[in-house]
Protein backbone atom coordinates (compact mmCIF):
# COMPACT_ATOMS: atom_id res chain seq x y z
CA MET A 1 89.89 100.48 55.02
CA ALA A 2 86.83 100.42 57.28
CA THR A 3 87.71 97.00 58.68
CA ARG A 4 91.23 98.12 59.53
CA ALA A 5 89.88 101.11 61.46
CA GLY A 6 87.36 98.87 63.15
CA ARG A 7 90.08 96.48 64.31
CA GLY A 8 92.16 99.38 65.57
CA ASP A 9 89.24 100.68 67.56
CA LEU A 10 88.68 97.24 69.02
CA ARG A 11 92.37 96.92 69.97
CA HIS A 12 92.27 100.38 71.52
CA ALA A 13 89.16 99.46 73.52
CA ARG A 14 90.85 96.27 74.80
CA HIS A 15 93.97 98.24 75.75
CA ARG A 16 91.83 100.83 77.54
CA SER A 17 90.00 98.06 79.39
CA ARG A 18 93.30 96.48 80.51
CA ARG A 19 94.60 99.88 81.60
CA TRP A 20 91.54 100.60 83.73
CA GLY A 21 91.72 97.11 85.17
CA SER A 22 95.31 97.69 86.22
CA MET A 23 94.42 101.13 87.61
CA SER A 24 91.74 99.48 89.72
CA ARG A 25 94.27 96.91 90.98
CA LEU A 26 96.72 99.74 91.68
CA ARG A 27 94.12 101.65 93.70
CA ARG A 28 93.26 98.52 95.67
CA SER A 29 96.92 97.83 96.40
CA ILE A 30 97.49 101.44 97.51
CA VAL A 31 94.54 101.16 99.87
CA ARG A 32 96.03 97.90 101.18
CA VAL A 33 99.32 99.71 101.78
CA LEU A 34 97.49 102.46 103.70
CA VAL A 35 95.69 99.90 105.83
CA ALA A 36 98.92 97.95 106.43
CA LEU A 37 100.72 101.13 107.48
CA MET A 38 97.88 101.98 109.86
CA ILE A 39 98.08 98.48 111.33
CA VAL A 40 101.83 98.88 111.89
CA PHE A 41 101.25 102.32 113.41
CA THR A 42 98.52 100.99 115.70
CA LEU A 43 100.49 97.91 116.76
CA GLY A 44 103.53 100.13 117.38
CA ASN A 45 101.51 102.30 119.74
CA LEU A 46 100.12 99.19 121.40
CA ALA A 47 103.70 97.97 121.88
CA CYS A 48 104.54 101.36 123.42
CA ALA A 49 101.64 101.06 125.85
CA LEU A 50 102.78 97.58 126.88
CA ALA A 51 106.55 98.20 126.80
CA PRO A 52 108.23 96.74 129.89
CA ASN A 53 111.35 98.90 129.57
CA TYR A 54 112.68 102.04 127.93
CA GLU A 55 114.62 100.22 125.19
CA LEU A 56 111.52 98.42 123.88
CA LEU A 57 109.52 101.63 124.16
CA MET A 58 112.04 103.44 121.95
CA ALA A 59 112.19 100.54 119.46
CA ALA A 60 108.40 100.61 119.16
CA ARG A 61 108.49 104.40 118.70
CA VAL A 62 110.97 104.02 115.80
CA VAL A 63 108.74 101.44 114.07
CA THR A 64 105.71 103.66 114.64
CA SER A 65 107.48 106.72 113.25
CA LEU A 66 108.53 104.90 110.08
CA ALA A 67 104.96 103.80 109.43
CA HIS A 68 103.65 107.29 110.22
CA GLY A 69 106.01 109.03 107.82
CA THR A 70 105.38 106.52 105.03
CA PHE A 71 101.63 106.80 105.57
CA PHE A 72 101.66 110.50 104.73
CA GLY A 73 103.63 109.90 101.54
CA VAL A 74 101.20 107.24 100.34
CA GLY A 75 98.24 109.25 101.67
CA ALA A 76 99.27 112.21 99.52
CA VAL A 77 99.23 109.95 96.46
CA VAL A 78 95.77 108.66 97.36
CA ALA A 79 94.46 112.16 98.10
CA THR A 80 95.58 113.46 94.70
CA GLY A 81 94.12 110.41 92.99
CA LEU A 82 90.68 111.02 94.44
CA VAL A 83 90.15 114.51 93.06
CA PRO A 84 90.18 116.19 89.64
CA GLN A 85 93.44 117.64 88.32
CA ASP A 86 92.59 121.20 89.38
CA ARG A 87 91.92 120.12 93.00
CA LYS A 88 95.07 118.07 93.70
CA ALA A 89 96.86 120.82 95.65
CA SER A 90 93.75 121.38 97.75
CA ALA A 91 93.52 117.66 98.52
CA ILE A 92 97.09 117.58 99.79
CA SER A 93 96.60 120.76 101.81
CA ILE A 94 93.47 119.36 103.45
CA MET A 95 95.31 116.15 104.30
CA PHE A 96 98.18 118.04 105.90
CA THR A 97 95.77 120.39 107.65
CA GLY A 98 94.47 117.27 109.38
CA LEU A 99 98.02 116.49 110.50
CA THR A 100 98.44 120.03 111.81
CA VAL A 101 95.14 119.96 113.71
CA ALA A 102 95.97 116.53 115.13
CA THR A 103 99.30 117.88 116.36
CA LEU A 104 97.80 121.05 117.81
CA LEU A 105 95.04 119.19 119.64
CA GLY A 106 96.73 115.84 120.19
CA VAL A 107 99.87 117.02 121.94
CA PRO A 108 98.04 118.90 124.72
CA ALA A 109 95.46 116.11 125.01
CA GLY A 110 98.21 113.49 125.21
CA ALA A 111 100.08 115.54 127.81
CA TRP A 112 96.91 115.88 129.89
CA LEU A 113 96.20 112.13 129.63
CA GLY A 114 99.77 111.35 130.63
CA LEU A 115 99.63 113.66 133.64
CA GLU A 116 96.24 112.47 134.83
CA TYR A 117 96.41 108.74 134.09
CA GLY A 118 100.07 107.90 133.44
CA TRP A 119 102.16 107.89 130.30
CA ARG A 120 100.75 104.57 129.06
CA ALA A 121 97.26 106.08 128.82
CA THR A 122 98.42 108.32 125.99
CA PHE A 123 99.60 105.32 123.98
CA TRP A 124 96.38 103.46 124.72
CA ALA A 125 94.41 106.46 123.43
CA VAL A 126 96.50 106.66 120.24
CA THR A 127 96.05 102.90 119.79
CA ALA A 128 92.27 103.29 120.01
CA ILE A 129 92.33 106.17 117.54
CA GLY A 130 94.52 104.04 115.26
CA VAL A 131 92.02 101.17 115.32
CA PHE A 132 89.20 103.59 114.51
CA ALA A 133 91.18 105.22 111.67
CA THR A 134 92.16 101.83 110.23
CA VAL A 135 88.53 100.73 110.09
CA ILE A 136 87.52 104.04 108.47
CA ILE A 137 90.27 103.78 105.84
CA ALA A 138 89.53 100.12 105.12
CA THR A 139 85.83 100.76 104.61
CA LEU A 140 85.54 104.25 103.15
CA VAL A 141 88.60 104.72 100.94
CA PRO A 142 87.92 101.69 98.67
CA ALA A 143 84.28 102.73 98.32
CA TYR A 144 85.31 106.28 97.51
CA CYS A 145 87.92 105.07 94.99
CA SER A 146 85.31 103.03 93.13
CA MET A 147 82.87 105.94 93.25
CA VAL A 148 85.50 108.28 91.78
CA ARG A 149 86.32 105.75 89.06
CA SER A 150 82.66 105.43 88.07
CA PHE A 151 82.46 109.20 87.53
CA SER A 152 85.70 109.43 85.52
């Protein structure tokens, strides 16, 4: 009887190890998706800044908007995965507070940039912010995911 329980425990430990391995791969792939979406967003804004005509500007805006919307869906999943169960709602609210603040500050700043330096300057500024945000996500989110995993 003791050997049967021992084997069961060993099987359970192997299963748990495989599960955590796949969770780690899942976290890494979600971070890759976030980085890829930020790259699409950034390149879309770069295409807007360089657009030679209105049609290409609008096409680039559509691509950028699709990446932006998808980013917040995936970002909500990542935000809830980084915190304990009782803090998941707070994580999502903080993430969307960032979106609200960016809108409240970014729209007037973008309008000012456009008026002072031309409409392309706004897209260049958003492109620079996108590059910065991509680097931050690529470096800090994987490190934070592994830190969270080590504590769980």
